[in-house]
N, C-alpha and C. Protein backbone atom coordinates (compact mmCIF):
# COMPACT_ATOMS: atom_id res chain seq x y z
N MET A 1 148.72 5.86 -56.85
CA MET A 1 148.92 5.49 -55.38
C MET A 1 148.02 4.35 -55.08
N THR A 2 148.73 3.49 -54.24
CA THR A 2 147.95 2.26 -53.72
C THR A 2 147.40 2.58 -52.39
N MET A 3 146.35 1.86 -52.09
CA MET A 3 145.90 1.98 -50.67
C MET A 3 146.27 0.85 -49.75
N ASP A 4 146.77 0.96 -48.60
CA ASP A 4 147.02 -0.08 -47.62
C ASP A 4 145.98 -0.46 -46.88
N THR A 5 145.51 -1.85 -47.16
CA THR A 5 144.20 -2.20 -46.42
C THR A 5 144.23 -2.19 -45.01
N LYS A 6 145.38 -2.36 -44.41
CA LYS A 6 145.52 -2.31 -43.00
C LYS A 6 145.27 -1.04 -42.50
N ASN A 7 145.69 0.02 -43.10
CA ASN A 7 145.29 1.45 -42.54
C ASN A 7 143.84 1.83 -42.81
N MET A 8 143.07 1.37 -43.90
CA MET A 8 141.85 1.27 -43.98
C MET A 8 140.98 0.59 -42.77
N ASP A 9 141.61 -0.61 -42.41
CA ASP A 9 140.85 -1.14 -41.30
C ASP A 9 140.97 -0.35 -40.06
N ALA A 10 142.37 0.11 -39.75
CA ALA A 10 142.67 0.92 -38.60
C ALA A 10 141.63 2.19 -38.55
N ALA A 11 141.57 2.90 -39.73
CA ALA A 11 140.60 4.04 -39.80
C ALA A 11 139.18 3.65 -39.47
N ARG A 12 138.75 2.40 -39.95
CA ARG A 12 137.39 2.01 -39.49
C ARG A 12 137.28 1.70 -37.89
N LEU A 13 138.31 1.49 -37.28
CA LEU A 13 138.20 1.12 -35.97
C LEU A 13 138.07 2.35 -34.95
N VAL A 14 138.18 3.52 -35.46
CA VAL A 14 138.29 4.63 -34.41
C VAL A 14 136.90 5.08 -34.25
N THR A 15 135.94 4.57 -34.97
CA THR A 15 134.43 4.90 -34.54
C THR A 15 133.87 3.64 -33.63
N PRO A 16 132.93 3.91 -32.89
CA PRO A 16 132.25 2.85 -31.93
C PRO A 16 131.70 1.76 -32.82
N GLY A 17 131.63 0.65 -32.15
CA GLY A 17 130.92 -0.48 -32.73
C GLY A 17 129.45 -0.24 -32.98
N THR A 18 128.83 -0.64 -34.00
CA THR A 18 127.49 -0.55 -34.18
C THR A 18 126.59 -1.76 -33.92
N ALA A 19 127.27 -3.03 -33.85
CA ALA A 19 126.49 -4.30 -33.77
C ALA A 19 127.16 -4.96 -32.69
N PHE A 20 126.38 -6.00 -32.12
CA PHE A 20 126.69 -6.71 -30.95
C PHE A 20 125.98 -8.15 -31.07
N THR A 21 127.01 -9.15 -31.56
CA THR A 21 126.31 -10.45 -31.76
C THR A 21 126.83 -11.63 -31.21
N LEU A 22 126.22 -12.67 -30.67
CA LEU A 22 126.68 -13.81 -30.00
C LEU A 22 127.53 -14.53 -31.01
N ILE A 23 128.72 -14.97 -30.63
CA ILE A 23 129.60 -15.77 -31.41
C ILE A 23 129.21 -17.32 -31.16
N THR A 24 129.06 -18.18 -32.22
CA THR A 24 129.19 -19.38 -32.01
C THR A 24 130.23 -20.06 -32.87
N ALA A 25 130.73 -21.37 -32.27
CA ALA A 25 132.02 -21.87 -32.97
C ALA A 25 131.49 -22.26 -34.28
N SER A 26 132.57 -22.13 -35.39
CA SER A 26 132.30 -22.90 -36.80
C SER A 26 133.53 -22.54 -37.60
N ALA A 27 133.72 -23.27 -38.60
CA ALA A 27 134.78 -23.35 -39.34
C ALA A 27 134.49 -22.49 -40.56
N THR A 28 133.37 -21.78 -40.51
CA THR A 28 133.08 -20.82 -41.66
C THR A 28 133.59 -19.38 -41.16
N ALA A 29 134.23 -18.60 -42.00
CA ALA A 29 134.62 -17.27 -41.61
C ALA A 29 133.46 -16.28 -41.68
N PHE A 30 133.51 -15.46 -40.62
CA PHE A 30 132.47 -14.25 -40.46
C PHE A 30 132.51 -13.61 -41.91
N SER A 31 131.38 -12.88 -42.12
CA SER A 31 131.31 -12.15 -43.43
C SER A 31 132.20 -10.73 -43.28
N SER A 32 132.41 -10.37 -42.00
CA SER A 32 133.54 -9.23 -41.82
C SER A 32 133.97 -9.55 -40.38
N PRO A 33 135.31 -9.14 -40.39
CA PRO A 33 135.95 -9.42 -39.12
C PRO A 33 135.47 -8.60 -37.85
N THR A 34 135.49 -9.04 -36.62
CA THR A 34 135.14 -8.25 -35.46
C THR A 34 136.06 -7.13 -35.39
N ARG A 35 135.61 -5.96 -34.57
CA ARG A 35 136.39 -5.03 -34.08
C ARG A 35 136.89 -5.37 -32.67
N ALA A 36 136.12 -6.05 -31.99
CA ALA A 36 136.52 -6.57 -30.75
C ALA A 36 135.63 -7.69 -30.30
N ILE A 37 135.78 -8.57 -29.08
CA ILE A 37 134.95 -9.30 -28.64
C ILE A 37 134.79 -8.88 -27.07
N TYR A 38 133.49 -9.14 -26.66
CA TYR A 38 133.21 -8.99 -25.24
C TYR A 38 132.93 -10.52 -24.67
N VAL A 39 133.31 -10.75 -23.53
CA VAL A 39 133.43 -12.04 -22.81
C VAL A 39 132.27 -11.84 -21.92
N ASP A 40 131.29 -12.68 -21.89
CA ASP A 40 130.19 -12.55 -21.04
C ASP A 40 130.27 -13.46 -19.95
N THR A 41 130.78 -14.85 -20.33
CA THR A 41 130.98 -15.94 -19.58
C THR A 41 132.47 -16.40 -19.60
N ALA A 42 133.16 -16.75 -18.79
CA ALA A 42 134.68 -17.29 -18.89
C ALA A 42 134.65 -18.51 -19.55
N GLY A 43 135.79 -18.82 -20.18
CA GLY A 43 136.01 -20.07 -20.73
C GLY A 43 137.17 -20.01 -21.58
N THR A 44 137.35 -20.86 -22.75
CA THR A 44 138.43 -20.81 -23.53
C THR A 44 137.68 -20.78 -24.92
N ALA A 45 138.63 -20.55 -25.99
CA ALA A 45 138.22 -20.33 -27.40
C ALA A 45 139.48 -20.73 -28.26
N ASP A 46 139.10 -21.21 -29.50
CA ASP A 46 140.20 -21.13 -30.60
C ASP A 46 139.77 -20.23 -31.73
N TRP A 47 140.74 -19.51 -32.07
CA TRP A 47 140.08 -18.61 -33.27
C TRP A 47 141.34 -18.41 -34.36
N THR A 48 140.85 -17.70 -35.40
CA THR A 48 141.69 -17.12 -36.45
C THR A 48 141.36 -15.83 -36.59
N ASP A 49 142.62 -14.95 -36.57
CA ASP A 49 142.43 -13.49 -36.70
C ASP A 49 142.39 -13.13 -38.09
N ALA A 50 142.12 -11.73 -38.39
CA ALA A 50 141.90 -11.30 -39.66
C ALA A 50 143.10 -11.49 -40.51
N ASP A 51 144.44 -11.66 -40.00
CA ASP A 51 145.72 -11.92 -40.65
C ASP A 51 145.79 -13.48 -41.04
N GLY A 52 145.07 -14.19 -40.51
CA GLY A 52 145.15 -15.73 -40.72
C GLY A 52 145.90 -16.52 -39.56
N ASN A 53 146.30 -15.75 -38.70
CA ASN A 53 147.05 -16.41 -37.36
C ASN A 53 146.04 -17.13 -36.58
N THR A 54 146.41 -18.19 -36.09
CA THR A 54 145.51 -19.04 -35.08
C THR A 54 145.91 -19.12 -33.85
N ALA A 55 145.03 -19.29 -32.84
CA ALA A 55 145.21 -19.42 -31.46
C ALA A 55 144.40 -20.55 -30.98
N THR A 56 144.99 -21.14 -29.91
CA THR A 56 144.13 -22.37 -29.43
C THR A 56 144.29 -22.22 -27.93
N ALA A 57 142.97 -22.57 -27.36
CA ALA A 57 142.66 -22.81 -25.91
C ALA A 57 143.01 -21.17 -25.39
N VAL A 58 142.59 -20.17 -25.79
CA VAL A 58 142.86 -18.83 -25.27
C VAL A 58 141.82 -18.69 -24.11
N ASN A 59 142.55 -18.46 -23.05
CA ASN A 59 141.66 -18.26 -21.60
C ASN A 59 140.95 -16.66 -21.89
N LEU A 60 139.67 -16.74 -21.54
CA LEU A 60 138.96 -15.63 -21.69
C LEU A 60 138.27 -15.38 -20.31
N ILE A 61 138.48 -14.14 -19.83
CA ILE A 61 137.84 -13.84 -18.45
C ILE A 61 136.59 -12.87 -18.68
N ALA A 62 135.67 -13.37 -17.82
CA ALA A 62 134.36 -12.60 -17.98
C ALA A 62 134.40 -11.17 -17.84
N GLY A 63 133.60 -10.35 -18.52
CA GLY A 63 133.70 -8.95 -18.35
C GLY A 63 134.63 -8.25 -19.24
N SER A 64 135.52 -9.13 -19.88
CA SER A 64 136.64 -8.29 -20.55
C SER A 64 136.09 -8.14 -22.03
N VAL A 65 136.74 -7.01 -22.61
CA VAL A 65 136.56 -6.50 -23.95
C VAL A 65 137.98 -6.66 -24.54
N ILE A 66 138.02 -7.37 -25.52
CA ILE A 66 139.38 -7.72 -26.16
C ILE A 66 139.43 -7.16 -27.51
N PRO A 67 140.21 -6.18 -27.81
CA PRO A 67 140.20 -5.35 -29.15
C PRO A 67 141.24 -6.42 -30.11
N ILE A 68 140.23 -7.26 -30.88
CA ILE A 68 140.85 -8.23 -31.73
C ILE A 68 140.12 -8.14 -33.00
N GLN A 69 140.76 -8.36 -34.01
CA GLN A 69 139.99 -8.62 -35.41
C GLN A 69 139.91 -9.87 -35.73
N LEU A 70 138.94 -10.80 -35.51
CA LEU A 70 138.72 -12.10 -35.70
C LEU A 70 138.03 -12.39 -36.82
N SER A 71 138.61 -13.40 -37.70
CA SER A 71 137.82 -13.83 -39.01
C SER A 71 137.00 -15.03 -38.70
N LYS A 72 137.30 -15.98 -37.61
CA LYS A 72 136.51 -16.94 -37.17
C LYS A 72 136.75 -17.58 -35.75
N VAL A 73 135.94 -18.17 -35.19
CA VAL A 73 136.02 -18.82 -33.91
C VAL A 73 135.70 -20.42 -34.09
N THR A 74 136.62 -21.08 -34.05
CA THR A 74 136.50 -22.61 -34.34
C THR A 74 136.13 -23.38 -33.35
N ALA A 75 136.26 -22.95 -31.97
CA ALA A 75 135.83 -23.78 -30.80
C ALA A 75 135.66 -22.87 -29.54
N ILE A 76 134.62 -23.32 -28.77
CA ILE A 76 134.34 -22.34 -27.70
C ILE A 76 134.12 -23.52 -26.53
N THR A 77 134.73 -23.54 -25.31
CA THR A 77 134.17 -24.09 -24.42
C THR A 77 133.06 -23.74 -23.52
N THR A 78 133.35 -23.27 -22.24
CA THR A 78 132.25 -22.72 -21.58
C THR A 78 131.84 -21.13 -21.78
N ALA A 79 132.95 -20.80 -22.47
CA ALA A 79 132.79 -19.19 -22.81
C ALA A 79 131.69 -18.81 -23.59
N LYS A 80 130.91 -17.51 -23.32
CA LYS A 80 129.92 -17.00 -23.96
C LYS A 80 130.58 -15.55 -24.58
N ILE A 81 130.72 -15.54 -25.78
CA ILE A 81 131.46 -14.39 -26.43
C ILE A 81 130.57 -13.64 -27.44
N TYR A 82 130.80 -12.32 -27.45
CA TYR A 82 129.91 -11.52 -28.43
C TYR A 82 131.11 -10.84 -29.38
N ALA A 83 130.69 -10.74 -30.62
CA ALA A 83 131.29 -10.00 -31.43
C ALA A 83 130.85 -8.35 -31.60
N ILE A 84 131.85 -7.45 -31.39
CA ILE A 84 131.48 -6.11 -31.69
C ILE A 84 131.83 -5.74 -32.90
N ARG A 85 131.08 -5.22 -33.78
CA ARG A 85 131.38 -4.79 -35.10
C ARG A 85 130.93 -3.28 -35.38
């Protein structure tokens, strides 16, 4: 029987996050994907999700919690965002 890594990730996400770290823009991938992000200050960001999909100029609203598994954030304007892991 083989294990589906997507289901393993989904199972990991049912428990609350245990770490909260400031994200800085970098071409380097995170050591582990985020569970979600918290937007402290509004702005835009470019990122790559855990599946390798990219998004550019994503508008971020201050105070938002966005449930997304990101592998890296490559650009940030005025936004201040935190990874929840």
